[in-house]
Amino acid sequence: MKSKNLRIIKLIQTSILAALCFVSFTFIQIKIPMPGGDAVSIHIGNAFCVLAALLLGGWYGGFAGAIGMTISDVLDPVYILGAPKTFILKLLIGLITGLVAHKFAKIDRSNDKKYIFKWTVISAICGLAFNVVFDPLVGYFYKQYILGQPQQMAAVLAKVSVVATFINAVVSVILVSFLYNVLRPILKRAGLLLPVGK
């Protein structure tokens, strides 16, 4: 397949995964209202960001998550001010997952199902563990220093965010480990599992 066609197919796949990130965060979430008109959410949007990184590599996967979930934030009056933070954090989830899965473990070059499953789980944990730590931390400083929220309110939101982000991470690791290992052979047989890094 020509490199131009590969790029077009990869962009289409990135768009589909960005749409899945958007839909899963926008419509499949439990929003927990917080004081001051803010909220935290239990959702599976991050699972599709990680899935994108596993299927397409860190950059494409990170951009799929960043674009899909940032658009979701922009369209939600509760989350609109957090959209820049979302873009950066989701991009980094994809980059970290892709780095572990493809640069370190090279799962895209393996046919060993146990090896692929093990590194799918490890890669997902690495990307989402980053998010469990940095989403509340960056959120705290972002709310306090960029948006001017009072320190006490930003601290309460960060504490609740740790719990919600941890729940999201656990559910997402389980979901993405299943989805990737089911989709990978199907996409490979269909000729749609594209080389990572091209």
C-alpha atoms as a PDB file:
ATOM      1  CA  MET A   1       0.000   0.000   0.000  1.00  0.00           C
ATOM      2  CA  LYS A   2       1.332   3.454  -0.914  1.00  0.00           C
ATOM      3  CA  SER A   3       2.417   5.722   1.938  1.00  0.00           C
ATOM      4  CA  LYS A   4      -0.140   8.352   0.859  1.00  0.00           C
ATOM      5  CA  ASN A   5      -2.953   5.777   1.149  1.00  0.00           C
ATOM      6  CA  LEU A   6      -1.592   4.619   4.521  1.00  0.00           C
ATOM      7  CA  ARG A   7      -1.676   8.182   5.803  1.00  0.00           C
ATOM      8  CA  ILE A   8      -5.250   8.710   4.596  1.00  0.00           C
ATOM      9  CA  ILE A   9      -6.446   5.455   6.206  1.00  0.00           C
ATOM     10  CA  LYS A  10      -4.633   6.333   9.429  1.00  0.00           C
ATOM     11  CA  LEU A  11      -6.257   9.792   9.482  1.00  0.00           C
ATOM     12  CA  ILE A  12      -9.672   8.183   8.937  1.00  0.00           C
ATOM     13  CA  GLN A  13      -9.020   5.742  11.802  1.00  0.00           C
ATOM     14  CA  THR A  14      -7.819   8.629  13.994  1.00  0.00           C
ATOM     15  CA  SER A  15     -11.052  10.508  13.209  1.00  0.00           C
ATOM     16  CA  ILE A  16     -13.185   7.465  14.076  1.00  0.00           C
ATOM     17  CA  LEU A  17     -11.371   7.019  17.392  1.00  0.00           C
ATOM     18  CA  ALA A  18     -11.639  10.757  18.134  1.00  0.00           C
ATOM     19  CA  ALA A  19     -15.393  10.432  17.535  1.00  0.00           C
ATOM     20  CA  LEU A  20     -15.508   7.448  19.931  1.00  0.00           C
ATOM     21  CA  CYS A  21     -13.675   9.522  22.565  1.00  0.00           C
ATOM     22  CA  PHE A  22     -16.184  12.325  22.061  1.00  0.00           C
ATOM     23  CA  VAL A  23     -19.271  10.086  22.175  1.00  0.00           C
ATOM     24  CA  SER A  24     -18.086   8.016  25.148  1.00  0.00           C
ATOM     25  CA  PHE A  25     -17.268  11.112  27.209  1.00  0.00           C
ATOM     26  CA  THR A  26     -20.286  13.168  26.155  1.00  0.00           C
ATOM     27  CA  PHE A  27     -23.017  10.535  26.347  1.00  0.00           C
ATOM     28  CA  ILE A  28     -21.668   7.711  28.540  1.00  0.00           C
ATOM     29  CA  GLN A  29     -20.709   9.497  31.725  1.00  0.00           C
ATOM     30  CA  ILE A  30     -21.879   9.992  35.258  1.00  0.00           C
ATOM     31  CA  LYS A  31     -21.392  13.664  36.057  1.00  0.00           C
ATOM     32  CA  ILE A  32     -20.870  14.477  39.744  1.00  0.00           C
ATOM     33  CA  PRO A  33     -21.699  18.153  40.439  1.00  0.00           C
ATOM     34  CA  MET A  34     -19.262  20.051  42.658  1.00  0.00           C
ATOM     35  CA  PRO A  35     -19.496  23.399  44.481  1.00  0.00           C
ATOM     36  CA  GLY A  36     -19.053  26.479  42.324  1.00  0.00           C
ATOM     37  CA  GLY A  37     -20.749  24.986  39.264  1.00  0.00           C
ATOM     38  CA  ASP A  38     -17.908  22.551  38.554  1.00  0.00           C
ATOM     39  CA  ALA A  39     -18.103  18.755  38.159  1.00  0.00           C
ATOM     40  CA  VAL A  40     -16.090  15.563  37.867  1.00  0.00           C
ATOM     41  CA  SER A  41     -17.148  12.620  35.712  1.00  0.00           C
ATOM     42  CA  ILE A  42     -17.005   8.857  35.748  1.00  0.00           C
ATOM     43  CA  HIS A  43     -16.521   7.971  32.059  1.00  0.00           C
ATOM     44  CA  ILE A  44     -14.772   5.668  29.564  1.00  0.00           C
ATOM     45  CA  GLY A  45     -13.420   8.339  27.203  1.00  0.00           C
ATOM     46  CA  ASN A  46      -9.829   7.649  28.229  1.00  0.00           C
ATOM     47  CA  ALA A  47     -10.219   4.003  27.206  1.00  0.00           C
ATOM     48  CA  PHE A  48     -10.654   5.069  23.583  1.00  0.00           C
ATOM     49  CA  CYS A  49      -7.668   7.423  23.816  1.00  0.00           C
ATOM     50  CA  VAL A  50      -5.538   4.470  24.994  1.00  0.00           C
ATOM     51  CA  LEU A  51      -7.083   2.173  22.367  1.00  0.00           C
ATOM     52  CA  ALA A  52      -6.173   4.705  19.684  1.00  0.00           C
ATOM     53  CA  ALA A  53      -2.561   4.810  20.908  1.00  0.00           C
ATOM     54  CA  LEU A  54      -2.370   1.004  20.892  1.00  0.00           C
ATOM     55  CA  LEU A  55      -3.819   0.755  17.384  1.00  0.00           C
ATOM     56  CA  LEU A  56      -2.225   3.785  15.729  1.00  0.00           C
ATOM     57  CA  GLY A  57       0.769   4.787  17.846  1.00  0.00           C
ATOM     58  CA  GLY A  58       1.285   7.514  20.407  1.00  0.00           C
ATOM     59  CA  TRP A  59       0.950  10.623  18.263  1.00  0.00           C
ATOM     60  CA  TYR A  60      -2.154   9.595  16.323  1.00  0.00           C
ATOM     61  CA  GLY A  61      -3.720   8.032  19.417  1.00  0.00           C
ATOM     62  CA  GLY A  62      -2.910  11.053  21.553  1.00  0.00           C
ATOM     63  CA  PHE A  63      -4.396  13.402  18.979  1.00  0.00           C
ATOM     64  CA  ALA A  64      -7.533  11.242  18.691  1.00  0.00           C
ATOM     65  CA  GLY A  65      -8.091  11.477  22.452  1.00  0.00           C
ATOM     66  CA  ALA A  66      -7.101  15.140  22.650  1.00  0.00           C
ATOM     67  CA  ILE A  67      -9.346  16.243  19.788  1.00  0.00           C
ATOM     68  CA  GLY A  68     -12.361  14.087  20.695  1.00  0.00           C
ATOM     69  CA  MET A  69     -12.411  14.938  24.375  1.00  0.00           C
ATOM     70  CA  THR A  70     -11.505  18.608  23.900  1.00  0.00           C
ATOM     71  CA  ILE A  71     -14.444  19.047  21.524  1.00  0.00           C
ATOM     72  CA  SER A  72     -16.609  17.387  24.168  1.00  0.00           C
ATOM     73  CA  ASP A  73     -15.344  19.894  26.760  1.00  0.00           C
ATOM     74  CA  VAL A  74     -15.915  22.851  24.439  1.00  0.00           C
ATOM     75  CA  LEU A  75     -19.545  21.816  23.913  1.00  0.00           C
ATOM     76  CA  ASP A  76     -20.235  21.380  27.640  1.00  0.00           C
ATOM     77  CA  PRO A  77     -20.725  24.604  29.651  1.00  0.00           C
ATOM     78  CA  VAL A  78     -19.389  22.885  32.794  1.00  0.00           C
ATOM     79  CA  TYR A  79     -16.107  21.776  31.186  1.00  0.00           C
ATOM     80  CA  ILE A  80     -15.485  24.448  28.539  1.00  0.00           C
ATOM     81  CA  LEU A  81     -12.870  26.322  30.590  1.00  0.00           C
ATOM     82  CA  GLY A  82     -10.916  23.097  31.129  1.00  0.00           C
ATOM     83  CA  ALA A  83     -10.593  22.319  27.399  1.00  0.00           C
ATOM     84  CA  PRO A  84      -6.906  23.391  27.067  1.00  0.00           C
ATOM     85  CA  LYS A  85      -5.951  21.198  30.032  1.00  0.00           C
ATOM     86  CA  THR A  86      -7.887  18.285  28.512  1.00  0.00           C
ATOM     87  CA  PHE A  87      -6.108  18.630  25.166  1.00  0.00           C
ATOM     88  CA  ILE A  88      -2.649  18.456  26.738  1.00  0.00           C
ATOM     89  CA  LEU A  89      -3.419  15.638  29.190  1.00  0.00           C
ATOM     90  CA  LYS A  90      -5.122  13.377  26.617  1.00  0.00           C
ATOM     91  CA  LEU A  91      -2.310  13.931  24.138  1.00  0.00           C
ATOM     92  CA  LEU A  92       0.159  12.879  26.835  1.00  0.00           C
ATOM     93  CA  ILE A  93      -1.894   9.774  27.730  1.00  0.00           C
ATOM     94  CA  GLY A  94      -1.622   8.692  24.089  1.00  0.00           C
ATOM     95  CA  LEU A  95       2.081   9.476  23.848  1.00  0.00           C
ATOM     96  CA  ILE A  96       2.934   7.551  27.034  1.00  0.00           C
ATOM     97  CA  THR A  97       0.791   4.550  26.064  1.00  0.00           C
ATOM     98  CA  GLY A  98       2.248   4.512  22.558  1.00  0.00           C
ATOM     99  CA  LEU A  99       5.808   4.863  23.846  1.00  0.00           C
ATOM    100  CA  VAL A 100       5.471   1.854  26.155  1.00  0.00           C
ATOM    101  CA  ALA A 101       3.486  -0.293  23.696  1.00  0.00           C
ATOM    102  CA  HIS A 102       5.360   0.398  20.480  1.00  0.00           C
ATOM    103  CA  LYS A 103       8.790   1.859  21.235  1.00  0.00           C
ATOM    104  CA  PHE A 104       9.567  -0.280  24.280  1.00  0.00           C
ATOM    105  CA  ALA A 105       7.500  -3.491  23.953  1.00  0.00           C
ATOM    106  CA  LYS A 106       7.016  -3.340  20.149  1.00  0.00           C
ATOM    107  CA  ILE A 107       3.640  -5.091  20.360  1.00  0.00           C
ATOM    108  CA  ASP A 108       2.881  -4.162  16.748  1.00  0.00           C
ATOM    109  CA  ARG A 109       5.685  -6.537  15.643  1.00  0.00           C
ATOM    110  CA  SER A 110       4.671  -9.482  17.816  1.00  0.00           C
ATOM    111  CA  ASN A 111       2.285 -12.368  17.174  1.00  0.00           C
ATOM    112  CA  ASP A 112       2.514 -13.809  20.684  1.00  0.00           C
ATOM    113  CA  LYS A 113      -0.979 -13.318  22.162  1.00  0.00           C
ATOM    114  CA  LYS A 114       0.164 -13.558  25.798  1.00  0.00           C
ATOM    115  CA  TYR A 115       2.988 -11.059  25.207  1.00  0.00           C
ATOM    116  CA  ILE A 116       0.618  -8.652  23.429  1.00  0.00           C
ATOM    117  CA  PHE A 117      -2.015  -8.946  26.173  1.00  0.00           C
ATOM    118  CA  LYS A 118       0.568  -8.400  28.935  1.00  0.00           C
ATOM    119  CA  TRP A 119       2.000  -5.284  27.283  1.00  0.00           C
ATOM    120  CA  THR A 120      -1.461  -3.986  26.390  1.00  0.00           C
ATOM    121  CA  VAL A 121      -2.293  -4.003  30.099  1.00  0.00           C
ATOM    122  CA  ILE A 122       1.086  -2.510  31.108  1.00  0.00           C
ATOM    123  CA  SER A 123       0.878   0.228  28.444  1.00  0.00           C
ATOM    124  CA  ALA A 124      -2.684   1.122  29.426  1.00  0.00           C
ATOM    125  CA  ILE A 125      -1.689   1.241  33.107  1.00  0.00           C
ATOM    126  CA  CYS A 126       1.268   3.543  32.326  1.00  0.00           C
ATOM    127  CA  GLY A 127      -0.826   5.999  30.296  1.00  0.00           C
ATOM    128  CA  LEU A 128      -3.699   6.035  32.745  1.00  0.00           C
ATOM    129  CA  ALA A 129      -1.508   6.100  35.887  1.00  0.00           C
ATOM    130  CA  PHE A 130      -0.004   9.290  34.471  1.00  0.00           C
ATOM    131  CA  ASN A 131      -3.550  10.647  34.195  1.00  0.00           C
ATOM    132  CA  VAL A 132      -4.501   9.604  37.747  1.00  0.00           C
ATOM    133  CA  VAL A 133      -1.584  11.663  39.086  1.00  0.00           C
ATOM    134  CA  PHE A 134      -1.508  14.603  36.708  1.00  0.00           C
ATOM    135  CA  ASP A 135      -5.191  15.235  35.932  1.00  0.00           C
ATOM    136  CA  PRO A 136      -5.983  16.281  39.535  1.00  0.00           C
ATOM    137  CA  LEU A 137      -2.576  17.963  40.012  1.00  0.00           C
ATOM    138  CA  VAL A 138      -2.683  20.001  36.801  1.00  0.00           C
ATOM    139  CA  GLY A 139      -6.393  20.635  37.440  1.00  0.00           C
ATOM    140  CA  TYR A 140      -5.621  22.067  40.883  1.00  0.00           C
ATOM    141  CA  PHE A 141      -3.022  24.549  39.563  1.00  0.00           C
ATOM    142  CA  TYR A 142      -5.055  25.304  36.440  1.00  0.00           C
ATOM    143  CA  LYS A 143      -8.192  26.108  38.450  1.00  0.00           C
ATOM    144  CA  GLN A 144      -6.339  28.149  41.050  1.00  0.00           C
ATOM    145  CA  TYR A 145      -3.767  30.074  38.982  1.00  0.00           C
ATOM    146  CA  ILE A 146      -5.312  30.264  35.501  1.00  0.00           C
ATOM    147  CA  LEU A 147      -9.028  30.412  36.312  1.00  0.00           C
ATOM    148  CA  GLY A 148      -8.645  32.174  39.683  1.00  0.00           C
ATOM    149  CA  GLN A 149     -10.648  29.668  41.711  1.00  0.00           C
ATOM    150  CA  PRO A 150     -10.188  29.921  45.505  1.00  0.00           C
ATOM    151  CA  GLN A 151      -7.519  27.551  46.854  1.00  0.00           C
ATOM    152  CA  GLN A 152      -9.900  25.650  49.126  1.00  0.00           C
ATOM    153  CA  MET A 153     -12.379  24.980  46.310  1.00  0.00           C
ATOM    154  CA  ALA A 154      -9.583  23.911  43.930  1.00  0.00           C
ATOM    155  CA  ALA A 155      -8.231  21.550  46.625  1.00  0.00           C
ATOM    156  CA  VAL A 156     -11.634  19.912  47.220  1.00  0.00           C
ATOM    157  CA  LEU A 157     -12.136  19.453  43.482  1.00  0.00           C
ATOM    158  CA  ALA A 158      -8.646  17.914  43.130  1.00  0.00           C
ATOM    159  CA  LYS A 159      -9.338  15.401  45.938  1.00  0.00           C
ATOM    160  CA  VAL A 160     -12.637  14.272  44.414  1.00  0.00           C
ATOM    161  CA  SER A 161     -10.972  14.211  40.989  1.00  0.00           C
ATOM    162  CA  VAL A 162      -8.341  11.734  42.262  1.00  0.00           C
ATOM    163  CA  VAL A 163     -11.079   9.242  43.173  1.00  0.00           C
ATOM    164  CA  ALA A 164     -13.032   9.715  39.917  1.00  0.00           C
ATOM    165  CA  THR A 165      -9.881   9.547  37.786  1.00  0.00           C
ATOM    166  CA  PHE A 166      -8.759   6.361  39.554  1.00  0.00           C
ATOM    167  CA  ILE A 167     -12.150   4.698  38.939  1.00  0.00           C
ATOM    168  CA  ASN A 168     -12.006   5.818  35.285  1.00  0.00           C
ATOM    169  CA  ALA A 169      -8.488   4.390  34.968  1.00  0.00           C
ATOM    170  CA  VAL A 170      -9.364   0.966  36.395  1.00  0.00           C
ATOM    171  CA  VAL A 171     -12.457   0.620  34.191  1.00  0.00           C
ATOM    172  CA  SER A 172     -10.534   1.877  31.139  1.00  0.00           C
ATOM    173  CA  VAL A 173      -7.611  -0.550  31.613  1.00  0.00           C
ATOM    174  CA  ILE A 174     -10.025  -3.496  31.773  1.00  0.00           C
ATOM    175  CA  LEU A 175     -12.077  -2.276  28.800  1.00  0.00           C
ATOM    176  CA  VAL A 176      -9.166  -1.386  26.535  1.00  0.00           C
ATOM    177  CA  SER A 177      -7.282  -4.605  27.291  1.00  0.00           C
ATOM    178  CA  PHE A 178     -10.315  -6.555  26.115  1.00  0.00           C
ATOM    179  CA  LEU A 179     -11.099  -4.321  23.112  1.00  0.00           C
ATOM    180  CA  TYR A 180      -7.569  -4.148  21.725  1.00  0.00           C
ATOM    181  CA  ASN A 181      -7.009  -7.892  21.934  1.00  0.00           C
ATOM    182  CA  VAL A 182     -10.356  -8.557  20.208  1.00  0.00           C
ATOM    183  CA  LEU A 183      -9.983  -5.867  17.520  1.00  0.00           C
ATOM    184  CA  ARG A 184      -6.314  -6.440  16.680  1.00  0.00           C
ATOM    185  CA  PRO A 185      -6.717  -9.800  14.865  1.00  0.00           C
ATOM    186  CA  ILE A 186      -9.890  -8.603  13.109  1.00  0.00           C
ATOM    187  CA  LEU A 187      -8.166  -5.466  11.806  1.00  0.00           C
ATOM    188  CA  LYS A 188      -5.068  -7.484  10.875  1.00  0.00           C
ATOM    189  CA  ARG A 189      -7.125  -9.940   8.788  1.00  0.00           C
ATOM    190  CA  ALA A 190      -8.907  -7.027   7.101  1.00  0.00           C
ATOM    191  CA  GLY A 191      -5.590  -5.323   6.302  1.00  0.00           C
ATOM    192  CA  LEU A 192      -6.530  -2.348   8.482  1.00  0.00           C
ATOM    193  CA  LEU A 193      -3.947  -2.793  11.256  1.00  0.00           C
ATOM    194  CA  LEU A 194      -1.489  -0.277   9.876  1.00  0.00           C
ATOM    195  CA  PRO A 195       2.212  -0.097  10.717  1.00  0.00           C
ATOM    196  CA  VAL A 196       2.887   2.196  13.652  1.00  0.00           C
ATOM    197  CA  GLY A 197       5.263   5.077  12.963  1.00  0.00           C
ATOM    198  CA  LYS A 198       4.387   5.455   9.270  1.00  0.00           C
END
